[in-house]
Amino acid sequence: MAVKPYEFQSIARTTMKIDNSYKTTSTPPPTRQQPKSPAETPSSTEAVSLSTLAGTLQASEKPPVNLAKIQEIKDAIAQGRFKINPEAIAGRLLDSARDLVNSQRNA
């Protein structure tokens, strides 16, 4: 079997001139207008209030722990001055477990 070279069918050719014959218009970028008189400048008595969500987001950027207190505890442990109260720890652990169980029941 002989392989024939691919034959191109004649297609009506369309030519297109590529140049800058189409004029495009562009709008200039917006310019910032300066206040024309002192009356147009914002006064120092204007107040800005944050939404509840903005306040929450701002508060979430702060560390959730007191870093100074942590450093104080680390220093006390290193120097042997840190006193442990096992009864207080056990009581708080039980309170936390009760809260967790109650929240699971109510959910």
PDB file of N, CA and C in Angstrom:
ATOM      1  N   MET A   1       0.839  -1.158   0.000  1.00  0.00           N
ATOM      2  CA  MET A   1       0.000   0.000   0.000  1.00  0.00           C
ATOM      3  C   MET A   1       0.893   1.233   0.000  1.00  0.00           C
ATOM      4  N   ALA A   2       0.648   2.072  -0.966  1.00  0.00           N
ATOM      5  CA  ALA A   2       1.455   3.278  -1.107  1.00  0.00           C
ATOM      6  C   ALA A   2       0.820   4.411  -0.319  1.00  0.00           C
ATOM      7  N   VAL A   3       1.626   5.172   0.357  1.00  0.00           N
ATOM      8  CA  VAL A   3       1.140   6.306   1.140  1.00  0.00           C
ATOM      9  C   VAL A   3       1.133   7.534   0.250  1.00  0.00           C
ATOM     10  N   LYS A   4      -0.035   8.167   0.110  1.00  0.00           N
ATOM     11  CA  LYS A   4      -0.144   9.365  -0.713  1.00  0.00           C
ATOM     12  C   LYS A   4       0.169  10.587   0.150  1.00  0.00           C
ATOM     13  N   PRO A   5       0.861  11.502  -0.418  1.00  0.00           N
ATOM     14  CA  PRO A   5       1.067  12.744   0.334  1.00  0.00           C
ATOM     15  C   PRO A   5      -0.264  13.444   0.525  1.00  0.00           C
ATOM     16  N   TYR A   6      -0.393  14.119   1.620  1.00  0.00           N
ATOM     17  CA  TYR A   6      -1.645  14.802   1.948  1.00  0.00           C
ATOM     18  C   TYR A   6      -1.916  15.857   0.897  1.00  0.00           C
ATOM     19  N   GLU A   7      -3.093  15.839   0.356  1.00  0.00           N
ATOM     20  CA  GLU A   7      -3.454  16.792  -0.679  1.00  0.00           C
ATOM     21  C   GLU A   7      -4.292  17.897  -0.061  1.00  0.00           C
ATOM     22  N   PHE A   8      -3.879  19.089  -0.301  1.00  0.00           N
ATOM     23  CA  PHE A   8      -4.623  20.244   0.196  1.00  0.00           C
ATOM     24  C   PHE A   8      -5.716  20.585  -0.789  1.00  0.00           C
ATOM     25  N   GLN A   9      -6.880  20.794  -0.284  1.00  0.00           N
ATOM     26  CA  GLN A   9      -7.962  21.233  -1.150  1.00  0.00           C
ATOM     27  C   GLN A   9      -7.845  22.745  -1.287  1.00  0.00           C
ATOM     28  N   SER A  10      -8.200  23.217  -2.440  1.00  0.00           N
ATOM     29  CA  SER A  10      -8.099  24.661  -2.622  1.00  0.00           C
ATOM     30  C   SER A  10      -9.230  25.323  -1.857  1.00  0.00           C
ATOM     31  N   ILE A  11      -8.893  26.274  -1.070  1.00  0.00           N
ATOM     32  CA  ILE A  11      -9.845  27.007  -0.246  1.00  0.00           C
ATOM     33  C   ILE A  11      -9.769  28.464  -0.678  1.00  0.00           C
ATOM     34  N   ALA A  12     -10.921  29.093  -0.754  1.00  0.00           N
ATOM     35  CA  ALA A  12     -10.910  30.515  -1.093  1.00  0.00           C
ATOM     36  C   ALA A  12     -10.119  31.232  -0.013  1.00  0.00           C
ATOM     37  N   ARG A  13      -9.146  31.969  -0.418  1.00  0.00           N
ATOM     38  CA  ARG A  13      -8.273  32.644   0.541  1.00  0.00           C
ATOM     39  C   ARG A  13      -8.789  34.032   0.856  1.00  0.00           C
ATOM     40  N   THR A  14      -8.723  34.342   2.098  1.00  0.00           N
ATOM     41  CA  THR A  14      -9.106  35.664   2.548  1.00  0.00           C
ATOM     42  C   THR A  14      -7.857  36.334   3.077  1.00  0.00           C
ATOM     43  N   THR A  15      -7.634  37.525   2.626  1.00  0.00           N
ATOM     44  CA  THR A  15      -6.469  38.250   3.116  1.00  0.00           C
ATOM     45  C   THR A  15      -6.930  39.326   4.080  1.00  0.00           C
ATOM     46  N   MET A  16      -6.069  39.599   5.010  1.00  0.00           N
ATOM     47  CA  MET A  16      -6.390  40.598   6.009  1.00  0.00           C
ATOM     48  C   MET A  16      -5.183  41.484   6.191  1.00  0.00           C
ATOM     49  N   LYS A  17      -5.410  42.761   6.131  1.00  0.00           N
ATOM     50  CA  LYS A  17      -4.330  43.709   6.299  1.00  0.00           C
ATOM     51  C   LYS A  17      -4.133  43.933   7.800  1.00  0.00           C
ATOM     52  N   ILE A  18      -2.935  43.767   8.241  1.00  0.00           N
ATOM     53  CA  ILE A  18      -2.627  43.966   9.655  1.00  0.00           C
ATOM     54  C   ILE A  18      -1.826  45.245   9.774  1.00  0.00           C
ATOM     55  N   ASP A  19      -2.454  46.240  10.276  1.00  0.00           N
ATOM     56  CA  ASP A  19      -1.782  47.507  10.522  1.00  0.00           C
ATOM     57  C   ASP A  19      -2.540  48.250  11.611  1.00  0.00           C
ATOM     58  N   ASN A  20      -2.244  49.483  11.756  1.00  0.00           N
ATOM     59  CA  ASN A  20      -2.871  50.291  12.792  1.00  0.00           C
ATOM     60  C   ASN A  20      -3.992  51.137  12.194  1.00  0.00           C
ATOM     61  N   SER A  21      -4.771  50.558  11.301  1.00  0.00           N
ATOM     62  CA  SER A  21      -5.808  51.339  10.637  1.00  0.00           C
ATOM     63  C   SER A  21      -7.020  51.562  11.530  1.00  0.00           C
ATOM     64  N   TYR A  22      -7.208  50.745  12.521  1.00  0.00           N
ATOM     65  CA  TYR A  22      -8.316  50.953  13.448  1.00  0.00           C
ATOM     66  C   TYR A  22      -7.858  51.889  14.546  1.00  0.00           C
ATOM     67  N   LYS A  23      -8.572  52.944  14.712  1.00  0.00           N
ATOM     68  CA  LYS A  23      -8.223  53.923  15.742  1.00  0.00           C
ATOM     69  C   LYS A  23      -8.918  53.529  17.042  1.00  0.00           C
ATOM     70  N   THR A  24      -8.157  53.455  18.073  1.00  0.00           N
ATOM     71  CA  THR A  24      -8.734  53.150  19.377  1.00  0.00           C
ATOM     72  C   THR A  24      -8.689  54.406  20.221  1.00  0.00           C
ATOM     73  N   THR A  25      -9.686  54.573  20.997  1.00  0.00           N
ATOM     74  CA  THR A  25      -9.701  55.711  21.910  1.00  0.00           C
ATOM     75  C   THR A  25      -9.622  55.164  23.320  1.00  0.00           C
ATOM     76  N   SER A  26      -8.827  55.797  24.079  1.00  0.00           N
ATOM     77  CA  SER A  26      -8.712  55.365  25.474  1.00  0.00           C
ATOM     78  C   SER A  26      -9.038  56.548  26.365  1.00  0.00           C
ATOM     79  N   THR A  27      -9.602  56.239  27.485  1.00  0.00           N
ATOM     80  CA  THR A  27      -9.926  57.302  28.432  1.00  0.00           C
ATOM     81  C   THR A  27      -8.725  57.516  29.329  1.00  0.00           C
ATOM     82  N   PRO A  28      -8.446  58.747  29.646  1.00  0.00           N
ATOM     83  CA  PRO A  28      -7.302  58.998  30.521  1.00  0.00           C
ATOM     84  C   PRO A  28      -7.595  58.460  31.913  1.00  0.00           C
ATOM     85  N   PRO A  29      -6.556  58.082  32.636  1.00  0.00           N
ATOM     86  CA  PRO A  29      -6.781  57.570  33.990  1.00  0.00           C
ATOM     87  C   PRO A  29      -7.382  58.665  34.868  1.00  0.00           C
ATOM     88  N   PRO A  30      -8.198  58.278  35.828  1.00  0.00           N
ATOM     89  CA  PRO A  30      -8.805  59.290  36.693  1.00  0.00           C
ATOM     90  C   PRO A  30      -7.735  60.011  37.497  1.00  0.00           C
ATOM     91  N   THR A  31      -7.907  61.282  37.630  1.00  0.00           N
ATOM     92  CA  THR A  31      -6.949  62.066  38.406  1.00  0.00           C
ATOM     93  C   THR A  31      -7.576  62.415  39.737  1.00  0.00           C
ATOM     94  N   ARG A  32      -6.744  62.533  40.696  1.00  0.00           N
ATOM     95  CA  ARG A  32      -7.211  62.862  42.032  1.00  0.00           C
ATOM     96  C   ARG A  32      -7.314  64.374  42.154  1.00  0.00           C
ATOM     97  N   GLN A  33      -8.457  64.834  42.547  1.00  0.00           N
ATOM     98  CA  GLN A  33      -8.652  66.270  42.677  1.00  0.00           C
ATOM     99  C   GLN A  33      -8.268  66.710  44.081  1.00  0.00           C
ATOM    100  N   GLN A  34      -7.536  67.777  44.131  1.00  0.00           N
ATOM    101  CA  GLN A  34      -7.141  68.348  45.406  1.00  0.00           C
ATOM    102  C   GLN A  34      -8.263  69.242  45.911  1.00  0.00           C
ATOM    103  N   PRO A  35      -8.452  69.325  47.210  1.00  0.00           N
ATOM    104  CA  PRO A  35      -9.473  70.228  47.741  1.00  0.00           C
ATOM    105  C   PRO A  35      -9.189  71.657  47.297  1.00  0.00           C
ATOM    106  N   LYS A  36     -10.233  72.361  46.912  1.00  0.00           N
ATOM    107  CA  LYS A  36     -10.069  73.714  46.408  1.00  0.00           C
ATOM    108  C   LYS A  36     -10.060  74.746  47.529  1.00  0.00           C
ATOM    109  N   SER A  37     -10.685  74.410  48.624  1.00  0.00           N
ATOM    110  CA  SER A  37     -10.721  75.368  49.724  1.00  0.00           C
ATOM    111  C   SER A  37     -10.605  74.609  51.039  1.00  0.00           C
ATOM    112  N   PRO A  38     -10.226  75.304  52.099  1.00  0.00           N
ATOM    113  CA  PRO A  38     -10.113  74.628  53.401  1.00  0.00           C
ATOM    114  C   PRO A  38     -11.426  74.032  53.874  1.00  0.00           C
ATOM    115  N   ALA A  39     -12.540  74.531  53.402  1.00  0.00           N
ATOM    116  CA  ALA A  39     -13.835  74.005  53.825  1.00  0.00           C
ATOM    117  C   ALA A  39     -14.052  72.579  53.329  1.00  0.00           C
ATOM    118  N   GLU A  40     -13.357  72.199  52.263  1.00  0.00           N
ATOM    119  CA  GLU A  40     -13.531  70.862  51.706  1.00  0.00           C
ATOM    120  C   GLU A  40     -12.652  69.820  52.382  1.00  0.00           C
ATOM    121  N   THR A  41     -11.689  70.230  53.171  1.00  0.00           N
ATOM    122  CA  THR A  41     -10.825  69.273  53.847  1.00  0.00           C
ATOM    123  C   THR A  41     -11.568  68.700  55.045  1.00  0.00           C
ATOM    124  N   PRO A  42     -11.311  67.425  55.368  1.00  0.00           N
ATOM    125  CA  PRO A  42     -12.005  66.812  56.503  1.00  0.00           C
ATOM    126  C   PRO A  42     -11.629  67.503  57.808  1.00  0.00           C
ATOM    127  N   SER A  43     -12.581  67.664  58.665  1.00  0.00           N
ATOM    128  CA  SER A  43     -12.305  68.305  59.947  1.00  0.00           C
ATOM    129  C   SER A  43     -11.777  67.277  60.931  1.00  0.00           C
ATOM    130  N   SER A  44     -11.110  67.763  61.945  1.00  0.00           N
ATOM    131  CA  SER A  44     -10.535  66.860  62.941  1.00  0.00           C
ATOM    132  C   SER A  44     -11.589  66.344  63.915  1.00  0.00           C
ATOM    133  N   THR A  45     -12.817  66.834  63.813  1.00  0.00           N
ATOM    134  CA  THR A  45     -13.867  66.380  64.721  1.00  0.00           C
ATOM    135  C   THR A  45     -14.622  65.176  64.182  1.00  0.00           C
ATOM    136  N   GLU A  46     -14.304  64.756  62.966  1.00  0.00           N
ATOM    137  CA  GLU A  46     -14.984  63.591  62.413  1.00  0.00           C
ATOM    138  C   GLU A  46     -14.548  62.341  63.158  1.00  0.00           C
ATOM    139  N   ALA A  47     -15.466  61.429  63.363  1.00  0.00           N
ATOM    140  CA  ALA A  47     -15.169  60.204  64.096  1.00  0.00           C
ATOM    141  C   ALA A  47     -15.424  59.001  63.200  1.00  0.00           C
ATOM    142  N   VAL A  48     -14.673  57.967  63.449  1.00  0.00           N
ATOM    143  CA  VAL A  48     -14.834  56.716  62.712  1.00  0.00           C
ATOM    144  C   VAL A  48     -15.162  55.635  63.722  1.00  0.00           C
ATOM    145  N   SER A  49     -16.171  54.837  63.422  1.00  0.00           N
ATOM    146  CA  SER A  49     -16.496  53.729  64.312  1.00  0.00           C
ATOM    147  C   SER A  49     -16.382  52.427  63.533  1.00  0.00           C
ATOM    148  N   LEU A  50     -15.873  51.416  64.188  1.00  0.00           N
ATOM    149  CA  LEU A  50     -15.697  50.110  63.564  1.00  0.00           C
ATOM    150  C   LEU A  50     -16.935  49.260  63.789  1.00  0.00           C
ATOM    151  N   SER A  51     -17.213  48.422  62.828  1.00  0.00           N
ATOM    152  CA  SER A  51     -18.322  47.491  62.998  1.00  0.00           C
ATOM    153  C   SER A  51     -17.928  46.430  64.016  1.00  0.00           C
ATOM    154  N   THR A  52     -18.890  45.676  64.460  1.00  0.00           N
ATOM    155  CA  THR A  52     -18.620  44.610  65.424  1.00  0.00           C
ATOM    156  C   THR A  52     -17.649  43.601  64.842  1.00  0.00           C
ATOM    157  N   LEU A  53     -17.833  43.262  63.563  1.00  0.00           N
ATOM    158  CA  LEU A  53     -16.941  42.306  62.913  1.00  0.00           C
ATOM    159  C   LEU A  53     -15.525  42.854  62.837  1.00  0.00           C
ATOM    160  N   ALA A  54     -15.380  44.134  62.505  1.00  0.00           N
ATOM    161  CA  ALA A  54     -14.048  44.733  62.428  1.00  0.00           C
ATOM    162  C   ALA A  54     -13.377  44.716  63.793  1.00  0.00           C
ATOM    163  N   GLY A  55     -14.138  44.995  64.836  1.00  0.00           N
ATOM    164  CA  GLY A  55     -13.586  44.948  66.186  1.00  0.00           C
ATOM    165  C   GLY A  55     -13.154  43.545  66.568  1.00  0.00           C
ATOM    166  N   THR A  56     -13.942  42.556  66.181  1.00  0.00           N
ATOM    167  CA  THR A  56     -13.597  41.162  66.459  1.00  0.00           C
ATOM    168  C   THR A  56     -12.333  40.767  65.714  1.00  0.00           C
ATOM    169  N   LEU A  57     -12.237  41.162  64.455  1.00  0.00           N
ATOM    170  CA  LEU A  57     -11.037  40.846  63.674  1.00  0.00           C
ATOM    171  C   LEU A  57      -9.808  41.519  64.263  1.00  0.00           C
ATOM    172  N   GLN A  58      -9.967  42.751  64.698  1.00  0.00           N
ATOM    173  CA  GLN A  58      -8.846  43.462  65.286  1.00  0.00           C
ATOM    174  C   GLN A  58      -8.413  42.793  66.588  1.00  0.00           C
ATOM    175  N   ALA A  59      -9.369  42.346  67.386  1.00  0.00           N
ATOM    176  CA  ALA A  59      -9.047  41.676  68.644  1.00  0.00           C
ATOM    177  C   ALA A  59      -8.390  40.327  68.399  1.00  0.00           C
ATOM    178  N   SER A  60      -8.736  39.663  67.291  1.00  0.00           N
ATOM    179  CA  SER A  60      -8.166  38.346  67.012  1.00  0.00           C
ATOM    180  C   SER A  60      -6.707  38.433  66.600  1.00  0.00           C
ATOM    181  N   GLU A  61      -6.232  39.620  66.254  1.00  0.00           N
ATOM    182  CA  GLU A  61      -4.831  39.776  65.875  1.00  0.00           C
ATOM    183  C   GLU A  61      -3.924  39.816  67.096  1.00  0.00           C
ATOM    184  N   LYS A  62      -4.498  40.041  68.261  1.00  0.00           N
ATOM    185  CA  LYS A  62      -3.712  40.087  69.487  1.00  0.00           C
ATOM    186  C   LYS A  62      -3.460  38.663  69.964  1.00  0.00           C
ATOM    187  N   PRO A  63      -2.338  38.429  70.655  1.00  0.00           N
ATOM    188  CA  PRO A  63      -2.086  37.076  71.154  1.00  0.00           C
ATOM    189  C   PRO A  63      -3.160  36.666  72.159  1.00  0.00           C
ATOM    190  N   PRO A  64      -3.595  35.410  72.123  1.00  0.00           N
ATOM    191  CA  PRO A  64      -4.665  34.961  73.017  1.00  0.00           C
ATOM    192  C   PRO A  64      -4.210  34.738  74.453  1.00  0.00           C
ATOM    193  N   VAL A  65      -2.930  34.924  74.709  1.00  0.00           N
ATOM    194  CA  VAL A  65      -2.403  34.698  76.053  1.00  0.00           C
ATOM    195  C   VAL A  65      -1.609  35.916  76.500  1.00  0.00           C
ATOM    196  N   ASN A  66      -1.394  35.998  77.796  1.00  0.00           N
ATOM    197  CA  ASN A  66      -0.600  37.073  78.375  1.00  0.00           C
ATOM    198  C   ASN A  66       0.863  36.637  78.346  1.00  0.00           C
ATOM    199  N   LEU A  67       1.613  37.162  77.387  1.00  0.00           N
ATOM    200  CA  LEU A  67       3.000  36.742  77.208  1.00  0.00           C
ATOM    201  C   LEU A  67       3.868  37.111  78.406  1.00  0.00           C
ATOM    202  N   ALA A  68       3.564  38.217  79.072  1.00  0.00           N
ATOM    203  CA  ALA A  68       4.335  38.612  80.250  1.00  0.00           C
ATOM    204  C   ALA A  68       4.137  37.600  81.379  1.00  0.00           C
ATOM    205  N   LYS A  69       2.903  37.143  81.553  1.00  0.00           N
ATOM    206  CA  LYS A  69       2.609  36.149  82.599  1.00  0.00           C
ATOM    207  C   LYS A  69       3.323  34.830  82.300  1.00  0.00           C
ATOM    208  N   ILE A  70       3.345  34.436  81.035  1.00  0.00           N
ATOM    209  CA  ILE A  70       4.037  33.198  80.651  1.00  0.00           C
ATOM    210  C   ILE A  70       5.522  33.308  80.965  1.00  0.00           C
ATOM    211  N   GLN A  71       6.122  34.452  80.656  1.00  0.00           N
ATOM    212  CA  GLN A  71       7.544  34.632  80.942  1.00  0.00           C
ATOM    213  C   GLN A  71       7.797  34.612  82.443  1.00  0.00           C
ATOM    214  N   GLU A  72       6.892  35.199  83.215  1.00  0.00           N
ATOM    215  CA  GLU A  72       7.014  35.196  84.676  1.00  0.00           C
ATOM    216  C   GLU A  72       6.981  33.767  85.216  1.00  0.00           C
ATOM    217  N   ILE A  73       6.085  32.932  84.701  1.00  0.00           N
ATOM    218  CA  ILE A  73       5.991  31.530  85.135  1.00  0.00           C
ATOM    219  C   ILE A  73       7.241  30.763  84.724  1.00  0.00           C
ATOM    220  N   LYS A  74       7.737  30.993  83.517  1.00  0.00           N
ATOM    221  CA  LYS A  74       8.966  30.318  83.065  1.00  0.00           C
ATOM    222  C   LYS A  74      10.139  30.663  83.973  1.00  0.00           C
ATOM    223  N   ASP A  75      10.247  31.940  84.318  1.00  0.00           N
ATOM    224  CA  ASP A  75      11.341  32.366  85.193  1.00  0.00           C
ATOM    225  C   ASP A  75      11.211  31.727  86.574  1.00  0.00           C
ATOM    226  N   ALA A  76       9.980  31.647  87.100  1.00  0.00           N
ATOM    227  CA  ALA A  76       9.765  31.046  88.419  1.00  0.00           C
ATOM    228  C   ALA A  76      10.112  29.564  88.400  1.00  0.00           C
ATOM    229  N   ILE A  77       9.768  28.858  87.314  1.00  0.00           N
ATOM    230  CA  ILE A  77      10.112  27.434  87.198  1.00  0.00           C
ATOM    231  C   ILE A  77      11.622  27.272  87.143  1.00  0.00           C
ATOM    232  N   ALA A  78      12.283  28.098  86.343  1.00  0.00           N
ATOM    233  CA  ALA A  78      13.739  28.004  86.197  1.00  0.00           C
ATOM    234  C   ALA A  78      14.454  28.273  87.518  1.00  0.00           C
ATOM    235  N   GLN A  79      13.898  29.148  88.345  1.00  0.00           N
ATOM    236  CA  GLN A  79      14.530  29.505  89.614  1.00  0.00           C
ATOM    237  C   GLN A  79      14.038  28.647  90.785  1.00  0.00           C
ATOM    238  N   GLY A  80      13.102  27.727  90.520  1.00  0.00           N
ATOM    239  CA  GLY A  80      12.597  26.846  91.569  1.00  0.00           C
ATOM    240  C   GLY A  80      11.604  27.512  92.503  1.00  0.00           C
ATOM    241  N   ARG A  81      11.032  28.637  92.145  1.00  0.00           N
ATOM    242  CA  ARG A  81      10.078  29.351  92.994  1.00  0.00           C
ATOM    243  C   ARG A  81       8.628  29.036  92.654  1.00  0.00           C
ATOM    244  N   PHE A  82       8.373  28.266  91.622  1.00  0.00           N
ATOM    245  CA  PHE A  82       7.001  28.019  91.172  1.00  0.00           C
ATOM    246  C   PHE A  82       6.351  26.960  92.051  1.00  0.00           C
ATOM    247  N   LYS A  83       5.246  27.311  92.684  1.00  0.00           N
ATOM    248  CA  LYS A  83       4.522  26.396  93.564  1.00  0.00           C
ATOM    249  C   LYS A  83       3.323  25.831  92.812  1.00  0.00           C
ATOM    250  N   ILE A  84       3.128  24.527  92.907  1.00  0.00           N
ATOM    251  CA  ILE A  84       2.019  23.853  92.245  1.00  0.00           C
ATOM    252  C   ILE A  84       0.989  23.472  93.299  1.00  0.00           C
ATOM    253  N   ASN A  85      -0.287  23.768  93.014  1.00  0.00           N
ATOM    254  CA  ASN A  85      -1.391  23.414  93.901  1.00  0.00           C
ATOM    255  C   ASN A  85      -2.185  22.319  93.190  1.00  0.00           C
ATOM    256  N   PRO A  86      -1.917  21.039  93.519  1.00  0.00           N
ATOM    257  CA  PRO A  86      -2.580  19.943  92.810  1.00  0.00           C
ATOM    258  C   PRO A  86      -4.099  19.939  92.971  1.00  0.00           C
ATOM    259  N   GLU A  87      -4.612  20.388  94.127  1.00  0.00           N
ATOM    260  CA  GLU A  87      -6.054  20.423  94.334  1.00  0.00           C
ATOM    261  C   GLU A  87      -6.724  21.418  93.375  1.00  0.00           C
ATOM    262  N   ALA A  88      -6.126  22.570  93.201  1.00  0.00           N
ATOM    263  CA  ALA A  88      -6.685  23.583  92.301  1.00  0.00           C
ATOM    264  C   ALA A  88      -6.658  23.086  90.855  1.00  0.00           C
ATOM    265  N   ILE A  89      -5.563  22.434  90.480  1.00  0.00           N
ATOM    266  CA  ILE A  89      -5.450  21.907  89.114  1.00  0.00           C
ATOM    267  C   ILE A  89      -6.504  20.831  88.879  1.00  0.00           C
ATOM    268  N   ALA A  90      -6.663  19.915  89.833  1.00  0.00           N
ATOM    269  CA  ALA A  90      -7.652  18.840  89.688  1.00  0.00           C
ATOM    270  C   ALA A  90      -9.066  19.410  89.627  1.00  0.00           C
ATOM    271  N   GLY A  91      -9.369  20.388  90.460  1.00  0.00           N
ATOM    272  CA  GLY A  91     -10.700  20.995  90.469  1.00  0.00           C
ATOM    273  C   GLY A  91     -11.021  21.676  89.144  1.00  0.00           C
ATOM    274  N   ARG A  92     -10.067  22.407  88.604  1.00  0.00           N
ATOM    275  CA  ARG A  92     -10.294  23.085  87.318  1.00  0.00           C
ATOM    276  C   ARG A  92     -10.399  22.087  86.170  1.00  0.00           C
ATOM    277  N   LEU A  93      -9.643  21.005  86.250  1.00  0.00           N
ATOM    278  CA  LEU A  93      -9.720  19.970  85.219  1.00  0.00           C
ATOM    279  C   LEU A  93     -11.098  19.314  85.231  1.00  0.00           C
ATOM    280  N   LEU A  94     -11.614  19.015  86.419  1.00  0.00           N
ATOM    281  CA  LEU A  94     -12.956  18.429  86.527  1.00  0.00           C
ATOM    282  C   LEU A  94     -14.031  19.403  86.041  1.00  0.00           C
ATOM    283  N   ASP A  95     -13.897  20.695  86.383  1.00  0.00           N
ATOM    284  CA  ASP A  95     -14.856  21.700  85.904  1.00  0.00           C
ATOM    285  C   ASP A  95     -14.857  21.763  84.378  1.00  0.00           C
ATOM    286  N   SER A  96     -13.683  21.714  83.805  1.00  0.00           N
ATOM    287  CA  SER A  96     -13.564  21.759  82.343  1.00  0.00           C
ATOM    288  C   SER A  96     -14.207  20.531  81.706  1.00  0.00           C
ATOM    289  N   ALA A  97     -13.989  19.359  82.312  1.00  0.00           N
ATOM    290  CA  ALA A  97     -14.585  18.122  81.788  1.00  0.00           C
ATOM    291  C   ALA A  97     -16.107  18.176  81.895  1.00  0.00           C
ATOM    292  N   ARG A  98     -16.639  18.701  83.017  1.00  0.00           N
ATOM    293  CA  ARG A  98     -18.093  18.840  83.173  1.00  0.00           C
ATOM    294  C   ARG A  98     -18.674  19.771  82.106  1.00  0.00           C
ATOM    295  N   ASP A  99     -18.011  20.885  81.876  1.00  0.00           N
ATOM    296  CA  ASP A  99     -18.476  21.838  80.854  1.00  0.00           C
ATOM    297  C   ASP A  99     -18.493  21.190  79.477  1.00  0.00           C
ATOM    298  N   LEU A 100     -17.475  20.413  79.182  1.00  0.00           N
ATOM    299  CA  LEU A 100     -17.394  19.747  77.883  1.00  0.00           C
ATOM    300  C   LEU A 100     -18.520  18.728  77.721  1.00  0.00           C
ATOM    301  N   VAL A 101     -18.770  17.927  78.756  1.00  0.00           N
ATOM    302  CA  VAL A 101     -19.844  16.931  78.702  1.00  0.00           C
ATOM    303  C   VAL A 101     -21.200  17.620  78.563  1.00  0.00           C
ATOM    304  N   ASN A 102     -21.433  18.693  79.324  1.00  0.00           N
ATOM    305  CA  ASN A 102     -22.705  19.412  79.244  1.00  0.00           C
ATOM    306  C   ASN A 102     -22.907  20.049  77.873  1.00  0.00           C
ATOM    307  N   SER A 103     -21.866  20.572  77.283  1.00  0.00           N
ATOM    308  CA  SER A 103     -22.008  21.191  75.956  1.00  0.00           C
ATOM    309  C   SER A 103     -22.289  20.132  74.895  1.00  0.00           C
ATOM    310  N   GLN A 104     -21.755  18.915  75.076  1.00  0.00           N
ATOM    311  CA  GLN A 104     -22.013  17.820  74.132  1.00  0.00           C
ATOM    312  C   GLN A 104     -23.470  17.368  74.244  1.00  0.00           C
ATOM    313  N   ARG A 105     -24.009  17.359  75.456  1.00  0.00           N
ATOM    314  CA  ARG A 105     -25.399  16.951  75.668  1.00  0.00           C
ATOM    315  C   ARG A 105     -26.369  17.965  75.068  1.00  0.00           C
ATOM    316  N   ASN A 106     -26.043  19.240  75.186  1.00  0.00           N
ATOM    317  CA  ASN A 106     -26.924  20.311  74.709  1.00  0.00           C
ATOM    318  C   ASN A 106     -26.832  20.517  73.201  1.00  0.00           C
ATOM    319  N   ALA A 107     -25.837  19.952  72.578  1.00  0.00           N
ATOM    320  CA  ALA A 107     -25.660  20.174  71.132  1.00  0.00           C
ATOM    321  C   ALA A 107     -26.517  19.282  70.295  1.00  0.00           C
TER     322      ALA A 107
END
